[in-house]
Protein backbone atom coordinates (compact mmCIF):
# COMPACT_ATOMS: atom_id res chain seq x y z
CA UNK A 1 25.58 56.06 -34.23
CA UNK A 2 21.84 56.73 -34.35
CA UNK A 3 21.09 53.03 -33.92
CA UNK A 4 23.36 50.87 -31.76
CA UNK A 5 24.37 47.36 -32.70
CA UNK A 6 26.18 45.44 -35.38
CA UNK A 7 25.19 44.13 -38.78
CA UNK A 8 24.58 40.52 -39.67
CA UNK A 9 26.13 39.57 -43.01
CA UNK A 10 25.36 36.53 -45.12
CA UNK A 11 27.21 35.53 -48.29
CA UNK A 12 24.76 34.31 -50.93
CA UNK A 13 26.87 32.11 -53.20
CA UNK A 14 25.93 31.36 -56.81
CA UNK A 15 28.44 29.54 -59.05
CA UNK A 16 30.61 32.30 -60.60
CA UNK A 17 28.49 35.19 -59.40
CA UNK A 18 24.99 36.59 -59.27
CA UNK A 19 25.23 38.50 -62.49
CA UNK A 20 23.91 36.30 -65.26
CA UNK A 21 26.79 37.29 -67.55
CA UNK A 22 29.56 36.83 -64.94
CA UNK A 23 30.57 33.51 -66.48
CA UNK A 24 31.55 35.30 -69.71
CA UNK A 25 34.26 37.40 -68.07
CA UNK A 26 37.86 36.30 -68.79
CA UNK A 27 38.47 35.66 -65.09
CA UNK A 28 35.53 33.26 -64.69
CA UNK A 29 35.57 29.47 -64.78
CA UNK A 30 32.42 28.33 -66.65
CA UNK A 31 32.66 24.93 -64.93
CA UNK A 32 32.85 26.30 -61.38
CA UNK A 33 29.23 25.43 -60.60
CA UNK A 34 30.29 21.76 -60.35
CA UNK A 35 33.63 22.31 -58.62
CA UNK A 36 33.58 21.64 -54.88
CA UNK A 37 37.00 23.27 -54.45
CA UNK A 38 35.57 26.50 -55.92
CA UNK A 39 32.88 26.57 -53.24
CA UNK A 40 35.37 25.68 -50.50
CA UNK A 41 37.42 28.68 -51.55
CA UNK A 42 34.36 30.93 -51.41
CA UNK A 43 33.46 29.59 -47.96
CA UNK A 44 36.96 30.30 -46.67
CA UNK A 45 36.85 33.84 -48.08
CA UNK A 46 33.53 34.49 -46.34
CA UNK A 47 34.85 33.04 -43.09
CA UNK A 48 37.99 35.18 -43.39
CA UNK A 49 35.63 38.17 -43.28
CA UNK A 50 33.91 36.79 -40.14
CA UNK A 51 30.56 36.71 -41.96
CA UNK A 52 27.67 35.17 -40.04
CA UNK A 53 26.76 32.65 -42.70
CA UNK A 54 26.79 31.58 -46.30
CA UNK A 55 23.77 30.51 -48.30
CA UNK A 56 23.10 28.22 -51.24
CA UNK A 57 19.81 28.55 -53.12
CA UNK A 58 18.16 25.61 -54.85
CA UNK A 59 15.37 24.77 -57.24
CA UNK A 60 14.29 21.26 -58.34
CA UNK A 61 14.44 22.03 -62.06
CA UNK A 62 16.93 23.21 -64.66
CA UNK A 63 16.95 26.96 -64.03
CA UNK A 64 15.83 28.75 -67.19
CA UNK A 65 17.70 27.89 -70.41
CA UNK A 66 21.11 26.24 -70.20
CA UNK A 67 22.44 28.57 -72.88
CA UNK A 68 22.05 31.54 -70.57
CA UNK A 69 24.42 30.78 -67.69
CA UNK A 70 26.01 27.83 -65.81
CA UNK A 71 23.05 25.65 -64.87
CA UNK A 72 24.44 22.79 -62.78
CA UNK A 73 23.21 22.89 -59.18
CA UNK A 74 24.77 20.52 -56.67
CA UNK A 75 22.27 19.48 -54.00
CA UNK A 76 22.95 22.12 -51.34
CA UNK A 77 22.87 20.06 -48.15
CA UNK A 78 25.40 17.69 -49.71
CA UNK A 79 27.62 20.59 -50.80
CA UNK A 80 27.31 22.29 -47.41
CA UNK A 81 28.47 19.08 -45.71
CA UNK A 82 31.67 19.39 -47.72
CA UNK A 83 31.95 23.08 -46.80
CA UNK A 84 31.45 22.23 -43.13
CA UNK A 85 34.69 20.28 -43.26
CA UNK A 86 36.49 23.20 -44.94
CA UNK A 87 35.43 25.81 -42.34
CA UNK A 88 35.16 26.15 -38.58
CA UNK A 89 32.77 28.97 -37.75
CA UNK A 90 30.61 30.27 -40.57
CA UNK A 91 26.93 29.31 -40.68
CA UNK A 92 25.68 27.09 -43.52
CA UNK A 93 22.21 27.78 -44.95
CA UNK A 94 20.50 25.84 -47.73
CA UNK A 95 17.21 26.19 -49.56
CA UNK A 96 14.80 23.28 -49.56
CA UNK A 97 11.19 23.14 -50.73
CA UNK A 98 8.24 22.19 -48.56
CA UNK A 99 6.19 21.45 -51.67
CA UNK A 100 8.47 18.77 -53.12
CA UNK A 101 9.91 17.05 -50.03
CA UNK A 102 8.66 15.03 -47.07
CA UNK A 103 9.20 16.26 -43.49
CA UNK A 104 10.99 13.21 -42.13
CA UNK A 105 13.61 12.99 -44.87
CA UNK A 106 14.24 16.74 -44.97
CA UNK A 107 14.37 17.13 -41.20
CA UNK A 108 16.90 14.31 -41.11
CA UNK A 109 19.07 15.92 -43.81
CA UNK A 110 19.21 19.24 -41.99
CA UNK A 111 19.73 17.58 -38.59
CA UNK A 112 22.64 15.65 -40.11
CA UNK A 113 24.17 18.86 -41.49
CA UNK A 114 23.64 20.57 -38.15
CA UNK A 115 25.42 17.81 -36.25
CA UNK A 116 28.25 17.41 -38.77
CA UNK A 117 28.92 21.18 -38.71
CA UNK A 118 28.73 21.54 -34.95
CA UNK A 119 25.47 23.48 -34.94
CA UNK A 120 25.93 25.77 -37.93
CA UNK A 121 22.99 24.77 -40.17
CA UNK A 122 20.07 26.87 -41.38
CA UNK A 123 17.11 26.00 -43.60
CA UNK A 124 15.80 28.56 -46.10
CA UNK A 125 12.16 27.49 -46.37
CA UNK A 126 10.59 27.92 -49.80
CA UNK A 127 7.33 26.75 -51.32
CA UNK A 128 8.77 26.79 -54.88
CA UNK A 129 7.12 28.82 -57.62
CA UNK A 130 7.08 27.58 -61.18
CA UNK A 131 5.13 25.06 -63.23
CA UNK A 132 8.30 23.37 -64.47
CA UNK A 133 9.12 22.26 -60.94
CA UNK A 134 5.62 20.94 -60.38
CA UNK A 135 5.83 18.82 -63.51
CA UNK A 136 8.91 17.09 -62.12
CA UNK A 137 6.83 15.80 -59.20
CA UNK A 138 3.78 14.13 -60.74
CA UNK A 139 1.79 17.36 -61.01
CA UNK A 140 0.22 18.93 -64.08
CA UNK A 141 -0.39 22.30 -62.43
CA UNK A 142 1.39 24.48 -59.89
CA UNK A 143 -0.32 24.18 -56.49
CA UNK A 144 -2.11 27.39 -55.52
CA UNK A 145 -0.05 29.99 -53.66
CA UNK A 146 -2.14 29.81 -50.47
CA UNK A 147 -2.15 26.01 -50.51
CA UNK A 148 1.64 25.94 -50.79
CA UNK A 149 1.98 28.11 -47.70
CA UNK A 150 -0.55 26.08 -45.72
CA UNK A 151 1.42 22.95 -46.58
CA UNK A 152 4.65 24.74 -45.60
CA UNK A 153 3.25 25.65 -42.17
CA UNK A 154 2.39 22.05 -41.37
CA UNK A 155 5.71 20.88 -42.82
CA UNK A 156 7.66 23.17 -40.45
CA UNK A 157 5.51 22.19 -37.47
CA UNK A 158 6.28 18.53 -38.12
CA UNK A 159 9.98 19.25 -38.67
CA UNK A 160 10.25 20.98 -35.30
CA UNK A 161 8.53 18.02 -33.65
CA UNK A 162 11.07 15.73 -35.28
CA UNK A 163 14.10 17.84 -34.26
CA UNK A 164 12.71 17.94 -30.71
CA UNK A 165 11.88 14.23 -30.58
CA UNK A 166 14.96 13.57 -28.44
CA UNK A 167 15.51 15.11 -25.03
CA UNK A 168 18.88 16.83 -24.78
CA UNK A 169 20.02 14.15 -22.31
CA UNK A 170 18.31 11.19 -23.95
CA UNK A 171 21.73 9.58 -24.54
CA UNK A 172 22.81 7.98 -21.27
CA UNK A 173 25.82 5.98 -22.53
CA UNK A 174 25.98 3.93 -19.32
CA UNK A 175 28.37 1.11 -20.22
CA UNK A 176 28.20 -0.55 -16.83
CA UNK A 177 24.40 -0.77 -16.84
CA UNK A 178 24.32 -1.57 -20.54
CA UNK A 179 21.98 1.36 -21.26
CA UNK A 180 22.85 3.61 -24.21
CA UNK A 181 19.71 5.78 -24.24
CA UNK A 182 16.60 6.50 -22.18
CA UNK A 183 13.49 5.54 -24.16
CA UNK A 184 11.34 7.71 -21.88
CA UNK A 185 13.19 10.75 -23.22
CA UNK A 186 12.22 10.06 -26.83
CA UNK A 187 9.06 11.81 -28.06
CA UNK A 188 7.55 10.42 -31.28
CA UNK A 189 5.57 13.16 -33.05
CA UNK A 190 2.54 10.93 -33.72
CA UNK A 191 1.43 13.64 -36.12
CA UNK A 192 -1.69 13.35 -38.24
CA UNK A 193 -2.56 16.49 -40.17
CA UNK A 194 -4.12 17.67 -43.40
CA UNK A 195 -0.98 17.07 -45.48
CA UNK A 196 1.31 14.83 -43.42
CA UNK A 197 1.22 11.81 -41.18
CA UNK A 198 4.47 11.20 -39.29
CA UNK A 199 4.51 8.65 -36.48
CA UNK A 200 8.04 8.05 -35.24
CA UNK A 201 10.87 10.05 -33.75
CA UNK A 202 13.81 11.22 -35.82
CA UNK A 203 16.79 8.87 -35.76
CA UNK A 204 19.11 11.71 -34.67
CA UNK A 205 19.41 13.71 -31.43
CA UNK A 206 19.33 17.48 -31.10
CA UNK A 207 22.38 19.43 -32.26
CA UNK A 208 24.64 21.85 -30.44
CA UNK A 209 22.25 24.68 -31.35
CA UNK A 210 19.10 22.64 -30.67
CA UNK A 211 17.79 22.72 -34.21
CA UNK A 212 18.60 24.47 -37.50
CA UNK A 213 17.90 28.19 -37.83
CA UNK A 214 14.72 28.80 -39.84
CA UNK A 215 15.09 31.25 -42.73
CA UNK A 216 12.42 32.44 -45.14
CA UNK A 217 12.47 34.51 -48.30
CA UNK A 218 8.89 35.22 -49.43
CA UNK A 219 7.53 38.78 -49.22
CA UNK A 220 3.95 38.29 -50.42
CA UNK A 221 1.08 38.57 -47.94
CA UNK A 222 1.20 34.83 -47.33
CA UNK A 223 4.98 34.97 -47.15
CA UNK A 224 4.98 37.75 -44.57
CA UNK A 225 2.50 35.93 -42.35
CA UNK A 226 4.55 32.76 -42.61
CA UNK A 227 7.80 34.56 -41.81
CA UNK A 228 6.26 36.35 -38.84
CA UNK A 229 5.24 33.02 -37.31
CA UNK A 230 8.26 30.86 -38.13
CA UNK A 231 11.30 32.69 -39.51
CA UNK A 232 14.35 33.57 -37.44
CA UNK A 233 16.04 35.25 -40.41
CA UNK A 234 14.38 36.70 -43.50
CA UNK A 235 16.02 37.20 -46.88
CA UNK A 236 14.16 39.87 -48.82
CA UNK A 237 14.50 42.10 -51.90
CA UNK A 238 13.88 45.87 -52.05
CA UNK A 239 14.85 48.56 -54.54
CA UNK A 240 14.17 51.58 -52.35
CA UNK A 241 14.74 52.54 -48.73
CA UNK A 242 11.04 53.35 -48.07
CA UNK A 243 9.98 49.93 -49.38
CA UNK A 244 12.57 48.24 -47.16
CA UNK A 245 11.47 50.26 -44.13
CA UNK A 246 7.81 49.37 -44.73
CA UNK A 247 8.67 45.67 -44.95
CA UNK A 248 10.89 45.83 -41.87
CA UNK A 249 8.28 47.57 -39.72
CA UNK A 250 5.46 45.38 -40.99
CA UNK A 251 7.25 42.09 -40.38
CA UNK A 252 8.44 43.09 -36.92
CA UNK A 253 4.87 44.10 -36.05
CA UNK A 254 3.47 40.80 -37.31
CA UNK A 255 6.07 38.85 -35.34
CA UNK A 256 5.01 40.67 -32.17
CA UNK A 257 1.39 39.84 -32.92
CA UNK A 258 2.41 36.18 -32.93
CA UNK A 259 3.83 36.65 -29.44
CA UNK A 260 7.41 36.61 -30.66
CA UNK A 261 10.28 38.93 -29.81
CA UNK A 262 10.75 41.03 -32.99
CA UNK A 263 14.48 41.28 -32.27
CA UNK A 264 14.70 37.53 -32.83
CA UNK A 265 13.59 37.91 -36.44
CA UNK A 266 16.61 39.15 -38.38
CA UNK A 267 15.80 40.90 -41.66
CA UNK A 268 18.49 40.84 -44.36
CA UNK A 269 17.74 42.54 -47.70
CA UNK A 270 19.85 41.44 -50.64
CA UNK A 271 22.42 43.75 -52.21
CA UNK A 272 24.64 43.22 -55.26
CA UNK A 273 27.75 45.36 -54.59
CA UNK A 274 29.94 46.25 -57.55
CA UNK A 275 33.09 47.57 -55.91
CA UNK A 276 35.81 49.64 -57.57
CA UNK A 277 38.75 51.77 -56.52
CA UNK A 278 36.65 54.68 -57.81
CA UNK A 279 32.95 55.00 -58.52
CA UNK A 280 33.65 55.19 -62.24
CA UNK A 281 35.61 51.94 -62.09
CA UNK A 282 32.69 50.23 -60.37
CA UNK A 283 30.29 51.55 -62.99
CA UNK A 284 32.58 50.33 -65.76
CA UNK A 285 32.31 46.80 -64.36
CA UNK A 286 28.53 47.18 -64.16
CA UNK A 287 28.39 48.36 -67.79
CA UNK A 288 30.67 45.56 -68.97
CA UNK A 289 28.46 42.94 -67.38
CA UNK A 290 25.33 44.49 -68.86
CA UNK A 291 26.91 44.44 -72.33
CA UNK A 292 27.46 40.69 -71.98
CA UNK A 293 23.78 39.92 -71.29
CA UNK A 294 21.94 38.11 -74.07
CA UNK A 295 18.45 39.63 -73.66
CA UNK A 296 16.67 36.93 -75.67
CA UNK A 297 17.26 34.50 -72.79
CA UNK A 298 16.17 36.91 -70.08
CA UNK A 299 13.05 37.91 -72.02
CA UNK A 300 11.53 34.45 -71.65
CA UNK A 301 12.10 34.37 -67.90
CA UNK A 302 10.73 37.90 -67.43
CA UNK A 303 7.60 37.03 -69.39
CA UNK A 304 7.05 33.93 -67.26
CA UNK A 305 7.43 35.94 -64.06
CA UNK A 306 4.95 38.56 -65.29
CA UNK A 307 2.45 35.95 -66.48
CA UNK A 308 2.49 37.02 -70.14
CA UNK A 309 3.57 35.57 -73.47
CA UNK A 310 7.12 36.60 -74.50
CA UNK A 311 5.64 38.02 -77.70
CA UNK A 312 3.85 40.68 -75.62
CA UNK A 313 7.18 42.19 -74.55
CA UNK A 314 9.17 44.44 -76.86
CA UNK A 315 12.83 44.96 -75.90
CA UNK A 316 12.88 48.64 -76.78
CA UNK A 317 9.49 49.57 -75.33
CA UNK A 318 8.28 49.93 -71.74
CA UNK A 319 6.35 47.16 -70.02
CA UNK A 320 2.83 46.77 -71.43
CA UNK A 321 0.27 49.00 -69.77
CA UNK A 322 -1.89 46.00 -68.95
CA UNK A 323 -0.30 43.17 -66.99
CA UNK A 324 -1.80 40.46 -64.75
CA UNK A 325 -2.21 41.73 -61.20
CA UNK A 326 -0.32 40.15 -58.30
CA UNK A 327 -3.49 38.36 -57.20
CA UNK A 328 -3.57 36.52 -60.54
CA UNK A 329 0.00 35.22 -60.16
CA UNK A 330 0.47 31.81 -58.53
CA UNK A 331 4.26 31.93 -58.76
CA UNK A 332 6.59 34.54 -57.22
CA UNK A 333 4.02 37.20 -56.33
CA UNK A 334 6.16 39.71 -54.44
CA UNK A 335 9.04 39.55 -56.92
CA UNK A 336 6.62 40.19 -59.80
CA UNK A 337 5.34 43.33 -58.06
CA UNK A 338 8.85 44.57 -57.26
CA UNK A 339 9.93 44.24 -60.89
CA UNK A 340 6.79 45.88 -62.31
CA UNK A 341 7.14 48.78 -59.87
CA UNK A 342 10.81 49.21 -60.83
CA UNK A 343 10.02 49.30 -64.53
CA UNK A 344 7.13 51.72 -64.12
CA UNK A 345 8.81 54.00 -61.55
CA UNK A 346 11.90 54.56 -63.70
CA UNK A 347 10.12 54.28 -67.07
CA UNK A 348 12.54 51.57 -68.23
CA UNK A 349 12.35 49.78 -71.52
CA UNK A 350 12.23 45.99 -71.31
CA UNK A 351 15.87 45.91 -72.43
CA UNK A 352 16.86 48.35 -69.68
CA UNK A 353 14.82 46.41 -67.13
CA UNK A 354 16.57 43.19 -68.12
CA UNK A 355 19.89 44.96 -67.64
CA UNK A 356 18.87 46.11 -64.17
CA UNK A 357 17.74 42.60 -63.23
CA UNK A 358 20.84 40.90 -64.62
CA UNK A 359 22.82 41.30 -61.43
CA UNK A 360 20.34 40.42 -58.72
CA UNK A 361 16.97 39.44 -60.22
CA UNK A 362 15.24 42.28 -58.39
CA UNK A 363 17.65 42.77 -55.49
CA UNK A 364 19.27 46.16 -55.05
CA UNK A 365 22.37 46.63 -57.22
CA UNK A 366 24.85 49.26 -56.07
CA UNK A 367 28.07 50.35 -57.80
CA UNK A 368 30.63 52.37 -55.90
CA UNK A 369 33.78 52.40 -53.80
CA UNK A 370 34.17 50.31 -50.68
CA UNK A 371 33.41 53.37 -48.55
CA UNK A 372 30.24 54.08 -50.55
CA UNK A 373 29.07 50.48 -50.16
CA UNK A 374 29.74 50.59 -46.41
CA UNK A 375 27.87 53.92 -46.20
CA UNK A 376 24.90 52.39 -48.01
CA UNK A 377 24.72 49.40 -45.68
CA UNK A 378 25.07 51.54 -42.59
CA UNK A 379 22.45 54.04 -43.77
CA UNK A 380 19.86 51.32 -44.35
CA UNK A 381 20.68 49.78 -40.97
CA UNK A 382 20.43 53.10 -39.12
CA UNK A 383 17.21 53.97 -41.00
CA UNK A 384 15.41 50.89 -39.70
CA UNK A 385 15.36 49.01 -43.00
CA UNK A 386 17.60 46.06 -42.14
CA UNK A 387 19.30 44.07 -39.41
CA UNK A 388 21.96 43.04 -41.89
CA UNK A 389 22.40 42.12 -45.52
CA UNK A 390 22.46 39.22 -47.93
CA UNK A 391 25.68 39.93 -49.88
CA UNK A 392 25.27 38.84 -53.50
CA UNK A 393 28.64 39.28 -55.20
CA UNK A 394 28.09 39.85 -58.93
CA UNK A 395 31.30 37.97 -59.80
CA UNK A 396 32.86 35.15 -57.78
CA UNK A 397 35.32 34.82 -56.21
CA UNK A 398 36.61 38.35 -56.92
CA UNK A 399 33.44 40.20 -55.83
CA UNK A 400 33.26 38.39 -52.49
CA UNK A 401 36.97 38.92 -51.86
CA UNK A 402 36.57 42.63 -52.59
CA UNK A 403 33.71 42.89 -50.11
CA UNK A 404 35.56 40.95 -47.41
CA UNK A 405 38.89 42.72 -47.86
CA UNK A 406 37.64 46.26 -48.53
CA UNK A 407 34.13 46.77 -47.11
CA UNK A 408 34.23 44.60 -44.00
CA UNK A 409 37.28 46.40 -42.48
CA UNK A 410 35.45 49.73 -42.83
CA UNK A 411 32.41 48.34 -41.04
CA UNK A 412 34.67 46.89 -38.35
CA UNK A 413 36.41 50.24 -37.85
CA UNK A 414 33.00 51.84 -37.39
CA UNK A 415 31.99 49.23 -34.82
CA UNK A 416 29.31 47.89 -37.14
CA UNK A 417 30.67 44.37 -37.57
CA UNK A 418 32.49 41.78 -35.51
CA UNK A 419 36.28 41.50 -35.63
CA UNK A 420 36.23 37.91 -34.37
CA UNK A 421 33.70 35.13 -33.94
CA UNK A 422 32.46 35.03 -30.35
CA UNK A 423 30.33 31.91 -30.72
CA UNK A 424 30.39 28.60 -32.51
CA UNK A 425 26.83 28.04 -33.71
CA UNK A 426 24.77 29.89 -36.30
CA UNK A 427 22.32 30.88 -33.58
CA UNK A 428 25.14 32.51 -31.64
CA UNK A 429 26.26 34.43 -34.73
CA UNK A 430 22.73 35.78 -35.23
CA UNK A 431 22.22 36.51 -31.55
CA UNK A 432 19.48 33.91 -31.23
CA UNK A 433 19.00 31.75 -28.12
CA UNK A 434 19.14 27.97 -28.22
CA UNK A 435 15.46 26.96 -28.35
CA UNK A 436 14.05 24.86 -25.54
CA UNK A 437 12.77 21.44 -26.51
CA UNK A 438 9.05 21.87 -27.21
CA UNK A 439 8.35 18.56 -25.46
CA UNK A 440 9.97 19.60 -22.17
CA UNK A 441 9.79 23.40 -22.16
CA UNK A 442 6.54 23.51 -20.16
CA UNK A 443 7.33 20.72 -17.72
CA UNK A 444 7.78 21.86 -14.10
CA UNK A 445 11.44 22.19 -13.17
CA UNK A 446 11.06 19.65 -10.36
CA UNK A 447 10.02 17.00 -12.89
CA UNK A 448 12.97 17.57 -15.17
CA UNK A 449 15.79 15.04 -14.75
């Protein structure tokens, strides 16, 4: 091994699979997006493979057009509470927006999930791109990109204050004295900032892992700075190894500049693995899924991402020579640039580009045997492009089962992945320490109870 250590693997779950046409396959249940038992089954499959965590994305709007793919989205912290009861070890990560929530309510939801699951919760912090979302929250325009990240920074600061508003031993439970808790070990945030004013302590104590793991998924300049300061795991998208290496090195450097240990920021690029007994079999599945795409649906979403009118895109022509620059985009800046670079680098027509995006919306799609997939993951890890991967099965549950039953054993045989859980909390899975309470971390030891 040129680089020692083991991979971190997260299962990114999306209804019947990440490929937009997965629901049209004979094996797929088009109602699975609303079926809790379906998600329990996926969680158990992921836990069978000893994966670090599973992840549910979220957006506060109907995603695209309902004709395109299953569009029901159960609120993820509610769904993860159900999955906590169906599993024992695997971490549980949910997306929640800092733009369309309030710190107290959201901190309480994640603290509740963290306690219910025994310290397995993680929060994927997003600022939410898209005008449609803004219009669902009394806004006529999408807040500016920089403003969203400034709000997010204060939101996270307040959330940490709330999670740390109880000392670890604030609960005394002294029946004889009639004292349940020590009020002197409660620390109200008393926060007054530009965006938020939060006076009182959370009505929940710290969890087994202290507080939820902080995850982030933006790769723009603002997103990188935010991740370097706050994130403990980063979900990211890259099409090429050099791009992934640049991001990895850059984010680790920025984390160090914030006085953080770069090894405590785990970087997990997304990959959509299409697995077959042979490479040709895997490519046949890829081709079948691409044939089932209805490009008229995807065209509208692509145009919105690029900041152009759908009429400016021709399915059988390359992307227009003139497109809005990343600086002009207030939505998903980094994803826009990734997609434009992909289309230009490979001289794809819009139809071909839509086909390439159908599986992972810009994440790397790879078709091959289980050995080839394992080789790909190990090569990126050894090349300094990743600490692990966000596994985005194109079809669920079959794609996740194939990864767990075929790829994971190869990685285990190579010493690249755990054969058993050695910890209980999500922080332990990711090799992260339990954070000290920010209210007591700097107190002299002699003063600590």
